[in-house]
């Protein structure tokens, strides 16, 4: 991968700067030329970063071939009740970690899914424990499957266990 000259500058720093990088977008050329790259390269680099960020935020058009990621499918099952979610967070914070498997089983029996905010710590548990991966996959819902694909964690979430009564 060949990053653009500005990204290279940000990675290597201004001490190795032989010549100022080109403006990342044509619309920035005038402002870019006003930056003092010779006497204050650090300030110019930070100002350039701010200009680039503002241009992107104002409507940067991605290069051709840029594939937009498909959104997550809507959930078809309800999320666990608030009280159950609080218990899960306590378990994930280290209070009675041996209860996680039982909590997942009860959640699965009632056909609930976990709240999206609980997915990252559950994925961390899946990394450490193969035994609970199917149960985590079952309560992760569509958002969990989507997140696992997006983060290349699909191998952590095998086919989910069947849910429901």
C-alpha atoms as a PDB file:
ATOM      1  CA  UNK A   1       0.000   0.000   0.000  1.00  0.00           C
ATOM      2  CA  UNK A   2       1.352   3.416  -0.943  1.00  0.00           C
ATOM      3  CA  UNK A   3      -0.106   6.075   1.325  1.00  0.00           C
ATOM      4  CA  UNK A   4      -0.548   9.588   0.029  1.00  0.00           C
ATOM      5  CA  UNK A   5       2.351  12.020   0.687  1.00  0.00           C
ATOM      6  CA  UNK A   6       0.518  13.731   3.550  1.00  0.00           C
ATOM      7  CA  UNK A   7      -0.041  10.409   5.345  1.00  0.00           C
ATOM      8  CA  UNK A   8       3.636   9.598   4.861  1.00  0.00           C
ATOM      9  CA  UNK A   9       4.544  12.945   6.441  1.00  0.00           C
ATOM     10  CA  UNK A  10       2.322  12.206   9.433  1.00  0.00           C
ATOM     11  CA  UNK A  11       3.938   8.791   9.853  1.00  0.00           C
ATOM     12  CA  UNK A  12       7.563   9.884   9.449  1.00  0.00           C
ATOM     13  CA  UNK A  13       7.430  13.374  10.948  1.00  0.00           C
ATOM     14  CA  UNK A  14       8.658  16.734   9.735  1.00  0.00           C
ATOM     15  CA  UNK A  15      12.361  16.096  10.475  1.00  0.00           C
ATOM     16  CA  UNK A  16      12.554  13.921   7.364  1.00  0.00           C
ATOM     17  CA  UNK A  17      10.621  16.382   5.221  1.00  0.00           C
ATOM     18  CA  UNK A  18      12.503  17.170   1.998  1.00  0.00           C
ATOM     19  CA  UNK A  19       9.719  19.116   0.353  1.00  0.00           C
ATOM     20  CA  UNK A  20       6.195  20.005   1.409  1.00  0.00           C
ATOM     21  CA  UNK A  21       3.551  17.474   0.456  1.00  0.00           C
ATOM     22  CA  UNK A  22       1.013  18.399  -2.176  1.00  0.00           C
ATOM     23  CA  UNK A  23      -2.425  19.510  -1.066  1.00  0.00           C
ATOM     24  CA  UNK A  24      -4.600  16.415  -0.609  1.00  0.00           C
ATOM     25  CA  UNK A  25      -7.523  18.027  -2.468  1.00  0.00           C
ATOM     26  CA  UNK A  26      -7.496  20.644  -5.239  1.00  0.00           C
ATOM     27  CA  UNK A  27      -9.840  22.866  -3.238  1.00  0.00           C
ATOM     28  CA  UNK A  28      -7.130  23.214  -0.557  1.00  0.00           C
ATOM     29  CA  UNK A  29      -4.276  24.310  -2.848  1.00  0.00           C
ATOM     30  CA  UNK A  30      -4.520  28.043  -2.034  1.00  0.00           C
ATOM     31  CA  UNK A  31      -4.667  27.513   1.748  1.00  0.00           C
ATOM     32  CA  UNK A  32      -1.975  24.822   1.502  1.00  0.00           C
ATOM     33  CA  UNK A  33       0.400  27.199  -0.289  1.00  0.00           C
ATOM     34  CA  UNK A  34       0.038  29.718   2.568  1.00  0.00           C
ATOM     35  CA  UNK A  35       1.440  27.244   5.127  1.00  0.00           C
ATOM     36  CA  UNK A  36       5.046  27.965   6.203  1.00  0.00           C
ATOM     37  CA  UNK A  37       6.671  24.582   5.540  1.00  0.00           C
ATOM     38  CA  UNK A  38      10.250  25.928   5.590  1.00  0.00           C
ATOM     39  CA  UNK A  39      10.410  27.723   8.958  1.00  0.00           C
ATOM     40  CA  UNK A  40       7.637  26.037  10.946  1.00  0.00           C
ATOM     41  CA  UNK A  41       7.117  22.565   9.493  1.00  0.00           C
ATOM     42  CA  UNK A  42       5.441  21.199  12.638  1.00  0.00           C
ATOM     43  CA  UNK A  43       2.889  24.011  12.689  1.00  0.00           C
ATOM     44  CA  UNK A  44       2.354  23.647   8.946  1.00  0.00           C
ATOM     45  CA  UNK A  45       1.825  19.899   9.305  1.00  0.00           C
ATOM     46  CA  UNK A  46      -0.727  20.346  12.095  1.00  0.00           C
ATOM     47  CA  UNK A  47      -2.485  23.101  10.152  1.00  0.00           C
ATOM     48  CA  UNK A  48      -2.462  20.877   7.083  1.00  0.00           C
ATOM     49  CA  UNK A  49      -4.005  18.098   9.134  1.00  0.00           C
ATOM     50  CA  UNK A  50      -6.755  20.475  10.270  1.00  0.00           C
ATOM     51  CA  UNK A  51      -7.385  21.616   6.680  1.00  0.00           C
ATOM     52  CA  UNK A  52      -7.565  18.040   5.456  1.00  0.00           C
ATOM     53  CA  UNK A  53      -9.939  17.028   8.264  1.00  0.00           C
ATOM     54  CA  UNK A  54     -12.188  20.021   7.567  1.00  0.00           C
ATOM     55  CA  UNK A  55     -12.291  19.198   3.853  1.00  0.00           C
ATOM     56  CA  UNK A  56     -13.224  15.604   4.560  1.00  0.00           C
ATOM     57  CA  UNK A  57     -15.904  16.656   7.033  1.00  0.00           C
ATOM     58  CA  UNK A  58     -17.297  19.176   4.558  1.00  0.00           C
ATOM     59  CA  UNK A  59     -18.013  16.571   1.929  1.00  0.00           C
ATOM     60  CA  UNK A  60     -15.002  14.609   0.835  1.00  0.00           C
ATOM     61  CA  UNK A  61     -15.829  12.373  -2.086  1.00  0.00           C
ATOM     62  CA  UNK A  62     -14.252   8.932  -1.750  1.00  0.00           C
ATOM     63  CA  UNK A  63     -12.037   7.672  -4.562  1.00  0.00           C
ATOM     64  CA  UNK A  64     -13.599   5.478  -7.194  1.00  0.00           C
ATOM     65  CA  UNK A  65     -13.738   1.847  -6.194  1.00  0.00           C
ATOM     66  CA  UNK A  66     -14.480   2.725  -2.581  1.00  0.00           C
ATOM     67  CA  UNK A  67     -16.969   0.131  -1.342  1.00  0.00           C
ATOM     68  CA  UNK A  68     -19.427   1.356   1.226  1.00  0.00           C
ATOM     69  CA  UNK A  69     -20.113  -1.179   3.919  1.00  0.00           C
ATOM     70  CA  UNK A  70     -23.601  -2.613   4.096  1.00  0.00           C
ATOM     71  CA  UNK A  71     -25.461  -1.599   7.240  1.00  0.00           C
ATOM     72  CA  UNK A  72     -26.398  -4.079   9.919  1.00  0.00           C
ATOM     73  CA  UNK A  73     -29.653  -5.943   9.431  1.00  0.00           C
ATOM     74  CA  UNK A  74     -32.373  -4.912  11.880  1.00  0.00           C
ATOM     75  CA  UNK A  75     -32.695  -7.064  14.965  1.00  0.00           C
ATOM     76  CA  UNK A  76     -35.599  -9.493  15.029  1.00  0.00           C
ATOM     77  CA  UNK A  77     -35.327 -10.402  18.703  1.00  0.00           C
ATOM     78  CA  UNK A  78     -35.690  -8.165  21.749  1.00  0.00           C
ATOM     79  CA  UNK A  79     -32.751  -7.010  23.819  1.00  0.00           C
ATOM     80  CA  UNK A  80     -32.356  -8.244  27.373  1.00  0.00           C
ATOM     81  CA  UNK A  81     -34.185  -6.213  30.013  1.00  0.00           C
ATOM     82  CA  UNK A  82     -32.220  -3.416  31.644  1.00  0.00           C
ATOM     83  CA  UNK A  83     -31.758  -5.301  34.932  1.00  0.00           C
ATOM     84  CA  UNK A  84     -30.337  -8.330  33.113  1.00  0.00           C
ATOM     85  CA  UNK A  85     -27.990  -6.090  31.130  1.00  0.00           C
ATOM     86  CA  UNK A  86     -26.700  -4.592  34.382  1.00  0.00           C
ATOM     87  CA  UNK A  87     -26.026  -8.073  35.747  1.00  0.00           C
ATOM     88  CA  UNK A  88     -24.126  -8.968  32.574  1.00  0.00           C
ATOM     89  CA  UNK A  89     -21.978  -5.854  32.901  1.00  0.00           C
ATOM     90  CA  UNK A  90     -21.140  -6.762  36.484  1.00  0.00           C
ATOM     91  CA  UNK A  91     -20.163 -10.266  35.376  1.00  0.00           C
ATOM     92  CA  UNK A  92     -18.038  -8.858  32.546  1.00  0.00           C
ATOM     93  CA  UNK A  93     -16.391  -6.446  35.004  1.00  0.00           C
ATOM     94  CA  UNK A  94     -15.140  -9.425  36.998  1.00  0.00           C
ATOM     95  CA  UNK A  95     -17.858  -9.940  39.577  1.00  0.00           C
ATOM     96  CA  UNK A  96     -18.733 -13.667  39.544  1.00  0.00           C
ATOM     97  CA  UNK A  97     -17.280 -14.452  36.089  1.00  0.00           C
ATOM     98  CA  UNK A  98     -18.229 -18.102  36.588  1.00  0.00           C
ATOM     99  CA  UNK A  99     -21.874 -17.020  36.126  1.00  0.00           C
ATOM    100  CA  UNK A 100     -21.381 -15.880  32.526  1.00  0.00           C
ATOM    101  CA  UNK A 101     -22.253 -19.226  30.972  1.00  0.00           C
ATOM    102  CA  UNK A 102     -25.429 -19.489  33.064  1.00  0.00           C
ATOM    103  CA  UNK A 103     -26.385 -15.898  32.177  1.00  0.00           C
ATOM    104  CA  UNK A 104     -25.909 -16.618  28.463  1.00  0.00           C
ATOM    105  CA  UNK A 105     -27.997 -19.806  28.728  1.00  0.00           C
ATOM    106  CA  UNK A 106     -30.867 -17.988  30.441  1.00  0.00           C
ATOM    107  CA  UNK A 107     -30.710 -15.189  27.895  1.00  0.00           C
ATOM    108  CA  UNK A 108     -30.812 -17.722  25.090  1.00  0.00           C
ATOM    109  CA  UNK A 109     -33.765 -19.629  26.608  1.00  0.00           C
ATOM    110  CA  UNK A 110     -35.774 -16.412  26.704  1.00  0.00           C
ATOM    111  CA  UNK A 111     -34.795 -15.563  23.108  1.00  0.00           C
ATOM    112  CA  UNK A 112     -33.084 -12.281  24.060  1.00  0.00           C
ATOM    113  CA  UNK A 113     -30.024 -10.654  22.539  1.00  0.00           C
ATOM    114  CA  UNK A 114     -27.464  -8.511  24.323  1.00  0.00           C
ATOM    115  CA  UNK A 115     -27.243  -4.747  23.977  1.00  0.00           C
ATOM    116  CA  UNK A 116     -24.719  -3.596  21.355  1.00  0.00           C
ATOM    117  CA  UNK A 117     -22.504  -1.961  23.986  1.00  0.00           C
ATOM    118  CA  UNK A 118     -21.902  -5.389  25.552  1.00  0.00           C
ATOM    119  CA  UNK A 119     -20.664  -6.997  22.344  1.00  0.00           C
ATOM    120  CA  UNK A 120     -16.973  -5.939  22.548  1.00  0.00           C
ATOM    121  CA  UNK A 121     -16.415  -7.357  26.056  1.00  0.00           C
ATOM    122  CA  UNK A 122     -18.286 -10.523  25.072  1.00  0.00           C
ATOM    123  CA  UNK A 123     -16.048 -10.876  22.013  1.00  0.00           C
ATOM    124  CA  UNK A 124     -13.043 -10.550  24.325  1.00  0.00           C
ATOM    125  CA  UNK A 125     -14.435 -13.451  26.354  1.00  0.00           C
ATOM    126  CA  UNK A 126     -14.929 -15.443  23.151  1.00  0.00           C
ATOM    127  CA  UNK A 127     -11.233 -14.962  22.387  1.00  0.00           C
ATOM    128  CA  UNK A 128     -10.325 -16.477  25.770  1.00  0.00           C
ATOM    129  CA  UNK A 129     -12.896 -19.270  25.984  1.00  0.00           C
ATOM    130  CA  UNK A 130     -13.885 -21.578  23.136  1.00  0.00           C
ATOM    131  CA  UNK A 131     -16.601 -23.235  25.208  1.00  0.00           C
ATOM    132  CA  UNK A 132     -18.842 -20.177  25.388  1.00  0.00           C
ATOM    133  CA  UNK A 133     -18.428 -19.033  21.766  1.00  0.00           C
ATOM    134  CA  UNK A 134     -21.642 -20.684  20.480  1.00  0.00           C
ATOM    135  CA  UNK A 135     -23.653 -19.145  23.328  1.00  0.00           C
ATOM    136  CA  UNK A 136     -22.144 -15.709  22.675  1.00  0.00           C
ATOM    137  CA  UNK A 137     -22.910 -16.068  18.968  1.00  0.00           C
ATOM    138  CA  UNK A 138     -26.516 -16.929  19.820  1.00  0.00           C
ATOM    139  CA  UNK A 139     -27.089 -13.849  21.981  1.00  0.00           C
ATOM    140  CA  UNK A 140     -25.059 -11.465  19.799  1.00  0.00           C
ATOM    141  CA  UNK A 141     -27.896 -11.014  17.319  1.00  0.00           C
ATOM    142  CA  UNK A 142     -27.567  -9.485  13.878  1.00  0.00           C
ATOM    143  CA  UNK A 143     -25.445  -6.633  15.217  1.00  0.00           C
ATOM    144  CA  UNK A 144     -22.964  -9.090  16.696  1.00  0.00           C
ATOM    145  CA  UNK A 145     -22.702 -11.055  13.451  1.00  0.00           C
ATOM    146  CA  UNK A 146     -22.248  -7.802  11.519  1.00  0.00           C
ATOM    147  CA  UNK A 147     -19.596  -6.552  13.936  1.00  0.00           C
ATOM    148  CA  UNK A 148     -17.764  -9.881  13.837  1.00  0.00           C
ATOM    149  CA  UNK A 149     -17.622  -9.733  10.017  1.00  0.00           C
ATOM    150  CA  UNK A 150     -16.494  -6.114  10.105  1.00  0.00           C
ATOM    151  CA  UNK A 151     -13.705  -6.812  12.614  1.00  0.00           C
ATOM    152  CA  UNK A 152     -12.621 -10.154  11.069  1.00  0.00           C
ATOM    153  CA  UNK A 153     -13.780 -12.066  14.131  1.00  0.00           C
ATOM    154  CA  UNK A 154     -16.110 -14.448  12.326  1.00  0.00           C
ATOM    155  CA  UNK A 155     -14.013 -17.436  13.350  1.00  0.00           C
ATOM    156  CA  UNK A 156     -14.733 -16.548  16.989  1.00  0.00           C
ATOM    157  CA  UNK A 157     -18.471 -16.821  16.491  1.00  0.00           C
ATOM    158  CA  UNK A 158     -19.442 -20.250  15.201  1.00  0.00           C
ATOM    159  CA  UNK A 159     -22.978 -21.120  14.210  1.00  0.00           C
ATOM    160  CA  UNK A 160     -25.118 -19.951  17.107  1.00  0.00           C
ATOM    161  CA  UNK A 161     -26.968 -22.287  19.395  1.00  0.00           C
ATOM    162  CA  UNK A 162     -30.718 -22.485  18.748  1.00  0.00           C
ATOM    163  CA  UNK A 163     -32.671 -19.976  20.794  1.00  0.00           C
ATOM    164  CA  UNK A 164     -36.107 -19.885  22.305  1.00  0.00           C
ATOM    165  CA  UNK A 165     -38.100 -22.084  24.654  1.00  0.00           C
END
